Structure formats: C-alpha cells, structure tokens
C-alpha cells in the first residue's frame, strides 16, 4: 500500500511497510502537472502485468515493482484490487502507476485538483 500526499507542486507517493521490499522502491515524487489522470478501472487491472524488472508477482496475492508492457514502464504496488487506482503520467520514467491506497476516492480527488 502507498500513502499519497501533496508537498508544494509535487505529489509524494510513499510505499509503506514490507511493500518497500516487494516493490524495490521507497517513494516516488511526481510534479503535479505531470499527472494526466487518476481513476479506478478493474478491467485494466486484470490480465498480464508485463515483464517484471525488478519486482514481485505472486498471482492473486501481490503485484509490486516495475513492470514493462508494450514498451511502457508501469509501477505496481497492489494486493487488494478494490483499493487500487491508476495514475496516468507524462514526462516521467513511468507511464502509469497502479497503486493500492487506503481511500481510493479521496486519493483520486487529491490527484485531480
């Protein structure tokens, strides 16, 4: 799970607990104007996640770390798909962040304002 906060013109995405080990990241700092969209879409969460480099994937349990799919880098940190949000980015290392948060609607609202 991650915690999303706004620090000035940036969004800080902090990976919590043991997820740091599974995702191989502690935090991401993204300029707010690099966020194109944030939403939930269960359909986009299903299927093959991509090539894991580095990361952890145990089907039906956890997907965490950097994955490459169709030439795009995607950061995952998800156990509970119901709490997962998708963050579309531009001008960043990752094309998309797919992360589990405590309150999806609150996090989406923060990212869209």
PDB file of N, CA and C in Angstrom:
ATOM      1  N   UNK A   1       0.846  -1.177   0.000  1.00  0.00           N
ATOM      2  CA  UNK A   1       0.000   0.000   0.000  1.00  0.00           C
ATOM      3  C   UNK A   1       0.890   1.238   0.000  1.00  0.00           C
ATOM      4  N   UNK A   2       0.352   2.299  -0.553  1.00  0.00           N
ATOM      5  CA  UNK A   2       1.082   3.561  -0.579  1.00  0.00           C
ATOM      6  C   UNK A   2       0.255   4.657   0.091  1.00  0.00           C
ATOM      7  N   UNK A   3       0.940   5.714   0.479  1.00  0.00           N
ATOM      8  CA  UNK A   3       0.289   6.913   1.003  1.00  0.00           C
ATOM      9  C   UNK A   3       0.610   8.052   0.051  1.00  0.00           C
ATOM     10  N   UNK A   4      -0.424   8.772  -0.379  1.00  0.00           N
ATOM     11  CA  UNK A   4      -0.250   9.863  -1.335  1.00  0.00           C
ATOM     12  C   UNK A   4      -0.483  11.192  -0.618  1.00  0.00           C
ATOM     13  N   UNK A   5       0.488  12.085  -0.731  1.00  0.00           N
ATOM     14  CA  UNK A   5       0.354  13.421  -0.148  1.00  0.00           C
ATOM     15  C   UNK A   5       0.846  14.448  -1.150  1.00  0.00           C
ATOM     16  N   UNK A   6       0.391  15.683  -0.970  1.00  0.00           N
ATOM     17  CA  UNK A   6       0.863  16.769  -1.808  1.00  0.00           C
ATOM     18  C   UNK A   6       1.849  17.604  -1.010  1.00  0.00           C
ATOM     19  N   UNK A   7       3.018  17.842  -1.605  1.00  0.00           N
ATOM     20  CA  UNK A   7       4.054  18.672  -0.999  1.00  0.00           C
ATOM     21  C   UNK A   7       4.392  19.742  -2.025  1.00  0.00           C
ATOM     22  N   UNK A   8       3.881  20.955  -1.799  1.00  0.00           N
ATOM     23  CA  UNK A   8       4.025  22.074  -2.728  1.00  0.00           C
ATOM     24  C   UNK A   8       3.479  21.680  -4.100  1.00  0.00           C
ATOM     25  N   UNK A   9       4.321  21.711  -5.141  1.00  0.00           N
ATOM     26  CA  UNK A   9       3.858  21.411  -6.503  1.00  0.00           C
ATOM     27  C   UNK A   9       4.069  19.939  -6.876  1.00  0.00           C
ATOM     28  N   UNK A  10       4.370  19.120  -5.885  1.00  0.00           N
ATOM     29  CA  UNK A  10       4.660  17.711  -6.129  1.00  0.00           C
ATOM     30  C   UNK A  10       3.662  16.805  -5.422  1.00  0.00           C
ATOM     31  N   UNK A  11       3.519  15.613  -5.967  1.00  0.00           N
ATOM     32  CA  UNK A  11       2.773  14.551  -5.313  1.00  0.00           C
ATOM     33  C   UNK A  11       3.808  13.546  -4.832  1.00  0.00           C
ATOM     34  N   UNK A  12       3.752  13.232  -3.556  1.00  0.00           N
ATOM     35  CA  UNK A  12       4.665  12.259  -2.967  1.00  0.00           C
ATOM     36  C   UNK A  12       3.894  10.956  -2.771  1.00  0.00           C
ATOM     37  N   UNK A  13       4.433   9.881  -3.332  1.00  0.00           N
ATOM     38  CA  UNK A  13       3.828   8.563  -3.212  1.00  0.00           C
ATOM     39  C   UNK A  13       4.803   7.711  -2.407  1.00  0.00           C
ATOM     40  N   UNK A  14       4.454   7.482  -1.138  1.00  0.00           N
ATOM     41  CA  UNK A  14       5.333   6.768  -0.225  1.00  0.00           C
ATOM     42  C   UNK A  14       4.880   5.318  -0.078  1.00  0.00           C
ATOM     43  N   UNK A  15       5.769   4.403  -0.402  1.00  0.00           N
ATOM     44  CA  UNK A  15       5.498   2.970  -0.264  1.00  0.00           C
ATOM     45  C   UNK A  15       5.653   2.615   1.209  1.00  0.00           C
ATOM     46  N   UNK A  16       4.663   1.902   1.755  1.00  0.00           N
ATOM     47  CA  UNK A  16       4.624   1.622   3.188  1.00  0.00           C
ATOM     48  C   UNK A  16       5.024   0.184   3.522  1.00  0.00           C
ATOM     49  N   UNK A  17       5.615   0.008   4.696  1.00  0.00           N
ATOM     50  CA  UNK A  17       5.888  -1.307   5.271  1.00  0.00           C
ATOM     51  C   UNK A  17       6.739  -2.218   4.405  1.00  0.00           C
ATOM     52  N   UNK A  18       6.387  -3.499   4.430  1.00  0.00           N
ATOM     53  CA  UNK A  18       7.122  -4.506   3.675  1.00  0.00           C
ATOM     54  C   UNK A  18       6.982  -4.335   2.174  1.00  0.00           C
ATOM     55  N   UNK A  19       6.035  -3.530   1.756  1.00  0.00           N
ATOM     56  CA  UNK A  19       5.860  -3.266   0.323  1.00  0.00           C
ATOM     57  C   UNK A  19       7.138  -2.674  -0.271  1.00  0.00           C
ATOM     58  N   UNK A  20       7.925  -1.974   0.541  1.00  0.00           N
ATOM     59  CA  UNK A  20       9.196  -1.412   0.064  1.00  0.00           C
ATOM     60  C   UNK A  20      10.113  -2.519  -0.465  1.00  0.00           C
ATOM     61  N   UNK A  21      10.118  -3.650   0.217  1.00  0.00           N
ATOM     62  CA  UNK A  21      10.946  -4.779  -0.209  1.00  0.00           C
ATOM     63  C   UNK A  21      10.414  -5.397  -1.491  1.00  0.00           C
ATOM     64  N   UNK A  22       9.100  -5.562  -1.581  1.00  0.00           N
ATOM     65  CA  UNK A  22       8.491  -6.217  -2.735  1.00  0.00           C
ATOM     66  C   UNK A  22       8.533  -5.320  -3.970  1.00  0.00           C
ATOM     67  N   UNK A  23       8.388  -4.005  -3.771  1.00  0.00           N
ATOM     68  CA  UNK A  23       8.314  -3.067  -4.894  1.00  0.00           C
ATOM     69  C   UNK A  23       9.682  -2.501  -5.292  1.00  0.00           C
ATOM     70  N   UNK A  24      10.692  -2.693  -4.449  1.00  0.00           N
ATOM     71  CA  UNK A  24      12.027  -2.164  -4.714  1.00  0.00           C
ATOM     72  C   UNK A  24      12.031  -0.639  -4.816  1.00  0.00           C
ATOM     73  N   UNK A  25      11.128   0.024  -4.108  1.00  0.00           N
ATOM     74  CA  UNK A  25      11.064   1.500  -4.085  1.00  0.00           C
ATOM     75  C   UNK A  25      10.593   1.941  -2.706  1.00  0.00           C
ATOM     76  N   UNK A  26      11.068   3.111  -2.284  1.00  0.00           N
ATOM     77  CA  UNK A  26      10.601   3.719  -1.041  1.00  0.00           C
ATOM     78  C   UNK A  26       9.536   4.772  -1.309  1.00  0.00           C
ATOM     79  N   UNK A  27       9.803   5.604  -2.329  1.00  0.00           N
ATOM     80  CA  UNK A  27       8.856   6.657  -2.662  1.00  0.00           C
ATOM     81  C   UNK A  27       9.089   7.153  -4.084  1.00  0.00           C
ATOM     82  N   UNK A  28       8.068   7.811  -4.587  1.00  0.00           N
ATOM     83  CA  UNK A  28       8.125   8.477  -5.884  1.00  0.00           C
ATOM     84  C   UNK A  28       7.683   9.910  -5.657  1.00  0.00           C
ATOM     85  N   UNK A  29       8.335  10.840  -6.322  1.00  0.00           N
ATOM     86  CA  UNK A  29       7.964  12.255  -6.230  1.00  0.00           C
ATOM     87  C   UNK A  29       7.681  12.726  -7.653  1.00  0.00           C
ATOM     88  N   UNK A  30       6.441  13.107  -7.908  1.00  0.00           N
ATOM     89  CA  UNK A  30       5.978  13.443  -9.250  1.00  0.00           C
ATOM     90  C   UNK A  30       5.480  14.890  -9.267  1.00  0.00           C
ATOM     91  N   UNK A  31       5.953  15.720 -10.190  1.00  0.00           N
ATOM     92  CA  UNK A  31       5.375  17.063 -10.321  1.00  0.00           C
ATOM     93  C   UNK A  31       3.872  16.933 -10.636  1.00  0.00           C
ATOM     94  N   UNK A  32       3.081  17.716  -9.957  1.00  0.00           N
ATOM     95  CA  UNK A  32       1.621  17.617 -10.117  1.00  0.00           C
ATOM     96  C   UNK A  32       1.187  17.812 -11.578  1.00  0.00           C
ATOM     97  N   UNK A  33       1.878  18.660 -12.324  1.00  0.00           N
ATOM     98  CA  UNK A  33       1.475  18.900 -13.711  1.00  0.00           C
ATOM     99  C   UNK A  33       1.882  17.763 -14.659  1.00  0.00           C
ATOM    100  N   UNK A  34       2.557  16.731 -14.154  1.00  0.00           N
ATOM    101  CA  UNK A  34       2.877  15.550 -14.959  1.00  0.00           C
ATOM    102  C   UNK A  34       1.805  14.460 -14.824  1.00  0.00           C
ATOM    103  N   UNK A  35       0.824  14.704 -13.975  1.00  0.00           N
ATOM    104  CA  UNK A  35      -0.272  13.736 -13.782  1.00  0.00           C
ATOM    105  C   UNK A  35      -1.379  14.061 -14.769  1.00  0.00           C
ATOM    106  N   UNK A  36      -1.620  13.132 -15.699  1.00  0.00           N
ATOM    107  CA  UNK A  36      -2.660  13.329 -16.715  1.00  0.00           C
ATOM    108  C   UNK A  36      -4.038  12.942 -16.201  1.00  0.00           C
ATOM    109  N   UNK A  37      -4.112  11.858 -15.427  1.00  0.00           N
ATOM    110  CA  UNK A  37      -5.410  11.375 -14.965  1.00  0.00           C
ATOM    111  C   UNK A  37      -5.199  10.407 -13.808  1.00  0.00           C
ATOM    112  N   UNK A  38      -6.259  10.207 -13.029  1.00  0.00           N
ATOM    113  CA  UNK A  38      -6.277   9.232 -11.944  1.00  0.00           C
ATOM    114  C   UNK A  38      -7.686   8.668 -11.879  1.00  0.00           C
ATOM    115  N   UNK A  39      -7.783   7.349 -11.781  1.00  0.00           N
ATOM    116  CA  UNK A  39      -9.102   6.702 -11.820  1.00  0.00           C
ATOM    117  C   UNK A  39      -8.997   5.262 -11.359  1.00  0.00           C
ATOM    118  N   UNK A  40     -10.150   4.623 -11.206  1.00  0.00           N
ATOM    119  CA  UNK A  40     -10.227   3.189 -10.937  1.00  0.00           C
ATOM    120  C   UNK A  40     -10.815   2.518 -12.170  1.00  0.00           C
ATOM    121  N   UNK A  41     -10.263   1.362 -12.537  1.00  0.00           N
ATOM    122  CA  UNK A  41     -10.768   0.603 -13.681  1.00  0.00           C
ATOM    123  C   UNK A  41     -10.364  -0.857 -13.486  1.00  0.00           C
ATOM    124  N   UNK A  42     -11.278  -1.665 -12.981  1.00  0.00           N
ATOM    125  CA  UNK A  42     -10.996  -3.064 -12.689  1.00  0.00           C
ATOM    126  C   UNK A  42     -10.588  -3.841 -13.941  1.00  0.00           C
ATOM    127  N   UNK A  43     -11.113  -3.468 -15.086  1.00  0.00           N
ATOM    128  CA  UNK A  43     -10.781  -4.153 -16.328  1.00  0.00           C
ATOM    129  C   UNK A  43      -9.291  -4.023 -16.668  1.00  0.00           C
ATOM    130  N   UNK A  44      -8.733  -2.839 -16.447  1.00  0.00           N
ATOM    131  CA  UNK A  44      -7.322  -2.598 -16.759  1.00  0.00           C
ATOM    132  C   UNK A  44      -6.376  -3.281 -15.768  1.00  0.00           C
ATOM    133  N   UNK A  45      -6.910  -3.736 -14.642  1.00  0.00           N
ATOM    134  CA  UNK A  45      -6.077  -4.382 -13.637  1.00  0.00           C
ATOM    135  C   UNK A  45      -5.936  -5.881 -13.868  1.00  0.00           C
ATOM    136  N   UNK A  46      -6.750  -6.437 -14.738  1.00  0.00           N
ATOM    137  CA  UNK A  46      -6.717  -7.880 -14.972  1.00  0.00           C
ATOM    138  C   UNK A  46      -5.750  -8.224 -16.101  1.00  0.00           C
ATOM    139  N   UNK A  47      -5.394  -9.486 -16.167  1.00  0.00           N
ATOM    140  CA  UNK A  47      -4.532  -9.951 -17.245  1.00  0.00           C
ATOM    141  C   UNK A  47      -3.061  -9.818 -16.928  1.00  0.00           C
ATOM    142  N   UNK A  48      -2.257  -9.989 -17.958  1.00  0.00           N
ATOM    143  CA  UNK A  48      -0.805  -9.980 -17.822  1.00  0.00           C
ATOM    144  C   UNK A  48      -0.307  -8.589 -17.466  1.00  0.00           C
ATOM    145  N   UNK A  49       0.525  -8.509 -16.463  1.00  0.00           N
ATOM    146  CA  UNK A  49       1.027  -7.221 -15.965  1.00  0.00           C
ATOM    147  C   UNK A  49       2.223  -6.713 -16.766  1.00  0.00           C
ATOM    148  N   UNK A  50       2.946  -7.587 -17.421  1.00  0.00           N
ATOM    149  CA  UNK A  50       4.139  -7.209 -18.162  1.00  0.00           C
ATOM    150  C   UNK A  50       5.356  -7.939 -17.634  1.00  0.00           C
ATOM    151  N   UNK A  51       6.505  -7.579 -18.181  1.00  0.00           N
ATOM    152  CA  UNK A  51       7.771  -8.167 -17.742  1.00  0.00           C
ATOM    153  C   UNK A  51       8.222  -7.484 -16.464  1.00  0.00           C
ATOM    154  N   UNK A  52       8.528  -8.259 -15.456  1.00  0.00           N
ATOM    155  CA  UNK A  52       8.912  -7.769 -14.128  1.00  0.00           C
ATOM    156  C   UNK A  52      10.407  -7.446 -14.115  1.00  0.00           C
ATOM    157  N   UNK A  53      10.766  -6.181 -13.765  1.00  0.00           N
ATOM    158  CA  UNK A  53      12.182  -5.768 -13.756  1.00  0.00           C
ATOM    159  C   UNK A  53      12.429  -4.549 -12.891  1.00  0.00           C
ATOM    160  N   UNK A  54      12.798  -4.551 -11.709  1.00  0.00           N
ATOM    161  CA  UNK A  54      12.652  -5.610 -10.730  1.00  0.00           C
ATOM    162  C   UNK A  54      11.282  -5.511 -10.081  1.00  0.00           C
ATOM    163  N   UNK A  55      10.842  -6.604  -9.526  1.00  0.00           N
ATOM    164  CA  UNK A  55       9.538  -6.600  -8.896  1.00  0.00           C
ATOM    165  C   UNK A  55       9.178  -7.951  -8.327  1.00  0.00           C
ATOM    166  N   UNK A  56       7.965  -8.015  -7.809  1.00  0.00           N
ATOM    167  CA  UNK A  56       7.446  -9.221  -7.176  1.00  0.00           C
ATOM    168  C   UNK A  56       6.054  -9.461  -7.717  1.00  0.00           C
ATOM    169  N   UNK A  57       5.786 -10.700  -8.115  1.00  0.00           N
ATOM    170  CA  UNK A  57       4.415 -11.033  -8.509  1.00  0.00           C
ATOM    171  C   UNK A  57       4.103 -12.451  -8.058  1.00  0.00           C
ATOM    172  N   UNK A  58       3.086 -12.548  -7.224  1.00  0.00           N
ATOM    173  CA  UNK A  58       2.529 -13.821  -6.814  1.00  0.00           C
ATOM    174  C   UNK A  58       1.056 -13.737  -7.216  1.00  0.00           C
ATOM    175  N   UNK A  59       0.654 -14.483  -8.269  1.00  0.00           N
ATOM    176  CA  UNK A  59      -0.724 -14.370  -8.772  1.00  0.00           C
ATOM    177  C   UNK A  59      -1.771 -14.462  -7.663  1.00  0.00           C
ATOM    178  N   UNK A  60      -2.741 -13.570  -7.731  1.00  0.00           N
ATOM    179  CA  UNK A  60      -3.852 -13.481  -6.781  1.00  0.00           C
ATOM    180  C   UNK A  60      -3.413 -13.080  -5.376  1.00  0.00           C
ATOM    181  N   UNK A  61      -2.157 -12.622  -5.214  1.00  0.00           N
ATOM    182  CA  UNK A  61      -1.684 -12.204  -3.905  1.00  0.00           C
ATOM    183  C   UNK A  61      -1.072 -10.798  -3.947  1.00  0.00           C
ATOM    184  N   UNK A  62      -0.029 -10.595  -4.757  1.00  0.00           N
ATOM    185  CA  UNK A  62       0.627  -9.284  -4.798  1.00  0.00           C
ATOM    186  C   UNK A  62       1.276  -9.046  -6.167  1.00  0.00           C
ATOM    187  N   UNK A  63       1.216  -7.797  -6.581  1.00  0.00           N
ATOM    188  CA  UNK A  63       1.974  -7.318  -7.741  1.00  0.00           C
ATOM    189  C   UNK A  63       2.652  -6.037  -7.278  1.00  0.00           C
ATOM    190  N   UNK A  64       3.980  -6.018  -7.311  1.00  0.00           N
ATOM    191  CA  UNK A  64       4.710  -4.847  -6.817  1.00  0.00           C
ATOM    192  C   UNK A  64       6.019  -4.696  -7.571  1.00  0.00           C
ATOM    193  N   UNK A  65       6.358  -3.463  -7.905  1.00  0.00           N
ATOM    194  CA  UNK A  65       7.620  -3.176  -8.564  1.00  0.00           C
ATOM    195  C   UNK A  65       7.430  -2.598  -9.952  1.00  0.00           C
ATOM    196  N   UNK A  66       8.502  -2.646 -10.731  1.00  0.00           N
ATOM    197  CA  UNK A  66       8.497  -2.105 -12.084  1.00  0.00           C
ATOM    198  C   UNK A  66       8.207  -3.220 -13.079  1.00  0.00           C
ATOM    199  N   UNK A  67       7.247  -2.963 -13.956  1.00  0.00           N
ATOM    200  CA  UNK A  67       6.873  -3.913 -14.999  1.00  0.00           C
ATOM    201  C   UNK A  67       6.904  -3.181 -16.333  1.00  0.00           C
ATOM    202  N   UNK A  68       7.285  -3.888 -17.391  1.00  0.00           N
ATOM    203  CA  UNK A  68       7.317  -3.318 -18.740  1.00  0.00           C
ATOM    204  C   UNK A  68       6.298  -4.041 -19.603  1.00  0.00           C
ATOM    205  N   UNK A  69       5.419  -3.269 -20.223  1.00  0.00           N
ATOM    206  CA  UNK A  69       4.385  -3.829 -21.090  1.00  0.00           C
ATOM    207  C   UNK A  69       4.222  -2.905 -22.286  1.00  0.00           C
ATOM    208  N   UNK A  70       4.307  -3.459 -23.473  1.00  0.00           N
ATOM    209  CA  UNK A  70       4.181  -2.692 -24.723  1.00  0.00           C
ATOM    210  C   UNK A  70       5.157  -1.511 -24.765  1.00  0.00           C
ATOM    211  N   UNK A  71       6.347  -1.705 -24.220  1.00  0.00           N
ATOM    212  CA  UNK A  71       7.368  -0.670 -24.243  1.00  0.00           C
ATOM    213  C   UNK A  71       7.236   0.392 -23.168  1.00  0.00           C
ATOM    214  N   UNK A  72       6.218   0.298 -22.327  1.00  0.00           N
ATOM    215  CA  UNK A  72       5.992   1.288 -21.274  1.00  0.00           C
ATOM    216  C   UNK A  72       6.374   0.728 -19.903  1.00  0.00           C
ATOM    217  N   UNK A  73       6.993   1.572 -19.074  1.00  0.00           N
ATOM    218  CA  UNK A  73       7.294   1.211 -17.690  1.00  0.00           C
ATOM    219  C   UNK A  73       6.069   1.533 -16.835  1.00  0.00           C
ATOM    220  N   UNK A  74       5.661   0.557 -16.021  1.00  0.00           N
ATOM    221  CA  UNK A  74       4.500   0.709 -15.151  1.00  0.00           C
ATOM    222  C   UNK A  74       4.921   0.305 -13.745  1.00  0.00           C
ATOM    223  N   UNK A  75       4.636   1.164 -12.766  1.00  0.00           N
ATOM    224  CA  UNK A  75       4.926   0.836 -11.374  1.00  0.00           C
ATOM    225  C   UNK A  75       3.669   0.297 -10.726  1.00  0.00           C
ATOM    226  N   UNK A  76       3.787  -0.881 -10.105  1.00  0.00           N
ATOM    227  CA  UNK A  76       2.674  -1.525  -9.405  1.00  0.00           C
ATOM    228  C   UNK A  76       2.989  -1.634  -7.919  1.00  0.00           C
ATOM    229  N   UNK A  77       1.976  -1.487  -7.081  1.00  0.00           N
ATOM    230  CA  UNK A  77       2.029  -1.878  -5.670  1.00  0.00           C
ATOM    231  C   UNK A  77       0.599  -2.163  -5.234  1.00  0.00           C
ATOM    232  N   UNK A  78       0.161  -3.405  -5.464  1.00  0.00           N
ATOM    233  CA  UNK A  78      -1.237  -3.758  -5.227  1.00  0.00           C
ATOM    234  C   UNK A  78      -1.361  -5.156  -4.618  1.00  0.00           C
ATOM    235  N   UNK A  79      -2.138  -5.245  -3.571  1.00  0.00           N
ATOM    236  CA  UNK A  79      -2.596  -6.529  -3.028  1.00  0.00           C
ATOM    237  C   UNK A  79      -4.108  -6.605  -3.216  1.00  0.00           C
ATOM    238  N   UNK A  80      -4.818  -5.578  -2.764  1.00  0.00           N
ATOM    239  CA  UNK A  80      -6.280  -5.532  -2.829  1.00  0.00           C
ATOM    240  C   UNK A  80      -6.707  -4.707  -4.047  1.00  0.00           C
ATOM    241  N   UNK A  81      -7.178  -5.374  -5.098  1.00  0.00           N
ATOM    242  CA  UNK A  81      -7.567  -4.684  -6.334  1.00  0.00           C
ATOM    243  C   UNK A  81      -8.695  -3.671  -6.124  1.00  0.00           C
ATOM    244  N   UNK A  82      -9.553  -3.904  -5.136  1.00  0.00           N
ATOM    245  CA  UNK A  82     -10.663  -2.978  -4.877  1.00  0.00           C
ATOM    246  C   UNK A  82     -10.188  -1.600  -4.430  1.00  0.00           C
ATOM    247  N   UNK A  83      -8.971  -1.533  -3.902  1.00  0.00           N
ATOM    248  CA  UNK A  83      -8.432  -0.256  -3.429  1.00  0.00           C
ATOM    249  C   UNK A  83      -7.352   0.291  -4.349  1.00  0.00           C
ATOM    250  N   UNK A  84      -7.227  -0.296  -5.541  1.00  0.00           N
ATOM    251  CA  UNK A  84      -6.194   0.124  -6.484  1.00  0.00           C
ATOM    252  C   UNK A  84      -6.674   1.284  -7.347  1.00  0.00           C
ATOM    253  N   UNK A  85      -5.773   2.238  -7.585  1.00  0.00           N
ATOM    254  CA  UNK A  85      -6.054   3.334  -8.509  1.00  0.00           C
ATOM    255  C   UNK A  85      -4.976   3.352  -9.585  1.00  0.00           C
ATOM    256  N   UNK A  86      -5.323   3.907 -10.725  1.00  0.00           N
ATOM    257  CA  UNK A  86      -4.411   4.026 -11.853  1.00  0.00           C
ATOM    258  C   UNK A  86      -4.100   5.504 -12.035  1.00  0.00           C
ATOM    259  N   UNK A  87      -2.820   5.828 -12.069  1.00  0.00           N
ATOM    260  CA  UNK A  87      -2.384   7.212 -12.245  1.00  0.00           C
ATOM    261  C   UNK A  87      -1.619   7.280 -13.563  1.00  0.00           C
ATOM    262  N   UNK A  88      -2.162   8.016 -14.524  1.00  0.00           N
ATOM    263  CA  UNK A  88      -1.530   8.188 -15.838  1.00  0.00           C
ATOM    264  C   UNK A  88      -0.575   9.377 -15.764  1.00  0.00           C
ATOM    265  N   UNK A  89       0.657   9.179 -16.269  1.00  0.00           N
ATOM    266  CA  UNK A  89       1.689  10.215 -16.194  1.00  0.00           C
ATOM    267  C   UNK A  89       2.220  10.587 -17.571  1.00  0.00           C
ATOM    268  N   UNK A  90       2.823  11.765 -17.640  1.00  0.00           N
ATOM    269  CA  UNK A  90       3.558  12.179 -18.827  1.00  0.00           C
ATOM    270  C   UNK A  90       4.879  12.793 -18.376  1.00  0.00           C
ATOM    271  N   UNK A  91       5.908  12.689 -19.228  1.00  0.00           N
ATOM    272  CA  UNK A  91       7.241  13.236 -18.955  1.00  0.00           C
ATOM    273  C   UNK A  91       7.876  12.617 -17.711  1.00  0.00           C
ATOM    274  N   UNK A  92       7.609  11.342 -17.461  1.00  0.00           N
ATOM    275  CA  UNK A  92       8.149  10.642 -16.298  1.00  0.00           C
ATOM    276  C   UNK A  92       8.728   9.297 -16.713  1.00  0.00           C
ATOM    277  N   UNK A  93       9.519   8.699 -15.832  1.00  0.00           N
ATOM    278  CA  UNK A  93      10.082   7.371 -16.069  1.00  0.00           C
ATOM    279  C   UNK A  93       8.961   6.361 -16.287  1.00  0.00           C
ATOM    280  N   UNK A  94       7.908   6.462 -15.469  1.00  0.00           N
ATOM    281  CA  UNK A  94       6.775   5.543 -15.562  1.00  0.00           C
ATOM    282  C   UNK A  94       5.649   6.167 -16.371  1.00  0.00           C
ATOM    283  N   UNK A  95       5.043   5.388 -17.223  1.00  0.00           N
ATOM    284  CA  UNK A  95       3.870   5.817 -17.999  1.00  0.00           C
ATOM    285  C   UNK A  95       2.622   5.796 -17.105  1.00  0.00           C
ATOM    286  N   UNK A  96       2.647   4.861 -16.143  1.00  0.00           N
ATOM    287  CA  UNK A  96       1.468   4.638 -15.312  1.00  0.00           C
ATOM    288  C   UNK A  96       1.904   4.120 -13.944  1.00  0.00           C
ATOM    289  N   UNK A  97       1.202   4.545 -12.911  1.00  0.00           N
ATOM    290  CA  UNK A  97       1.367   3.992 -11.573  1.00  0.00           C
ATOM    291  C   UNK A  97       0.063   3.293 -11.225  1.00  0.00           C
ATOM    292  N   UNK A  98       0.154   2.074 -10.756  1.00  0.00           N
ATOM    293  CA  UNK A  98      -1.035   1.344 -10.323  1.00  0.00           C
ATOM    294  C   UNK A  98      -0.762   0.964  -8.876  1.00  0.00           C
ATOM    295  N   UNK A  99      -1.451   1.642  -7.963  1.00  0.00           N
ATOM    296  CA  UNK A  99      -1.130   1.515  -6.545  1.00  0.00           C
ATOM    297  C   UNK A  99      -2.390   1.334  -5.710  1.00  0.00           C
ATOM    298  N   UNK A 100      -2.208   0.645  -4.598  1.00  0.00           N
ATOM    299  CA  UNK A 100      -3.288   0.452  -3.628  1.00  0.00           C
ATOM    300  C   UNK A 100      -3.203   1.553  -2.583  1.00  0.00           C
ATOM    301  N   UNK A 101      -4.341   2.169  -2.300  1.00  0.00           N
ATOM    302  CA  UNK A 101      -4.413   3.246  -1.318  1.00  0.00           C
ATOM    303  C   UNK A 101      -5.514   2.934  -0.311  1.00  0.00           C
ATOM    304  N   UNK A 102      -5.465   3.598   0.821  1.00  0.00           N
ATOM    305  CA  UNK A 102      -6.476   3.377   1.866  1.00  0.00           C
ATOM    306  C   UNK A 102      -7.861   3.822   1.403  1.00  0.00           C
ATOM    307  N   UNK A 103      -7.931   5.007   0.794  1.00  0.00           N
ATOM    308  CA  UNK A 103      -9.208   5.563   0.354  1.00  0.00           C
ATOM    309  C   UNK A 103      -9.087   5.988  -1.114  1.00  0.00           C
ATOM    310  N   UNK A 104      -9.499   5.122  -2.054  1.00  0.00           N
ATOM    311  CA  UNK A 104      -9.322   5.434  -3.478  1.00  0.00           C
ATOM    312  C   UNK A 104      -9.961   6.750  -3.923  1.00  0.00           C
ATOM    313  N   UNK A 105     -11.179   7.029  -3.518  1.00  0.00           N
ATOM    314  CA  UNK A 105     -11.847   8.245  -3.984  1.00  0.00           C
ATOM    315  C   UNK A 105     -11.176   9.507  -3.467  1.00  0.00           C
ATOM    316  N   UNK A 106     -10.717   9.465  -2.222  1.00  0.00           N
ATOM    317  CA  UNK A 106     -10.001  10.620  -1.648  1.00  0.00           C
ATOM    318  C   UNK A 106      -8.670  10.848  -2.386  1.00  0.00           C
ATOM    319  N   UNK A 107      -7.957   9.773  -2.683  1.00  0.00           N
ATOM    320  CA  UNK A 107      -6.679   9.890  -3.400  1.00  0.00           C
ATOM    321  C   UNK A 107      -6.886  10.410  -4.817  1.00  0.00           C
ATOM    322  N   UNK A 108      -7.911   9.923  -5.503  1.00  0.00           N
ATOM    323  CA  UNK A 108      -8.212  10.395  -6.852  1.00  0.00           C
ATOM    324  C   UNK A 108      -8.542  11.881  -6.835  1.00  0.00           C
ATOM    325  N   UNK A 109      -9.344  12.310  -5.850  1.00  0.00           N
ATOM    326  CA  UNK A 109      -9.697  13.727  -5.736  1.00  0.00           C
ATOM    327  C   UNK A 109      -8.449  14.588  -5.522  1.00  0.00           C
ATOM    328  N   UNK A 110      -7.521  14.130  -4.673  1.00  0.00           N
ATOM    329  CA  UNK A 110      -6.280  14.869  -4.439  1.00  0.00           C
ATOM    330  C   UNK A 110      -5.469  14.994  -5.730  1.00  0.00           C
ATOM    331  N   UNK A 111      -5.389  13.909  -6.491  1.00  0.00           N
ATOM    332  CA  UNK A 111      -4.595  13.905  -7.719  1.00  0.00           C
ATOM    333  C   UNK A 111      -5.212  14.753  -8.833  1.00  0.00           C
ATOM    334  N   UNK A 112      -6.521  14.914  -8.818  1.00  0.00           N
ATOM    335  CA  UNK A 112      -7.208  15.660  -9.876  1.00  0.00           C
ATOM    336  C   UNK A 112      -7.383  17.141  -9.590  1.00  0.00           C
ATOM    337  N   UNK A 113      -7.095  17.584  -8.378  1.00  0.00           N
ATOM    338  CA  UNK A 113      -7.283  19.012  -8.053  1.00  0.00           C
ATOM    339  C   UNK A 113      -6.037  19.812  -8.331  1.00  0.00           C
TER     340      UNK A 113
END
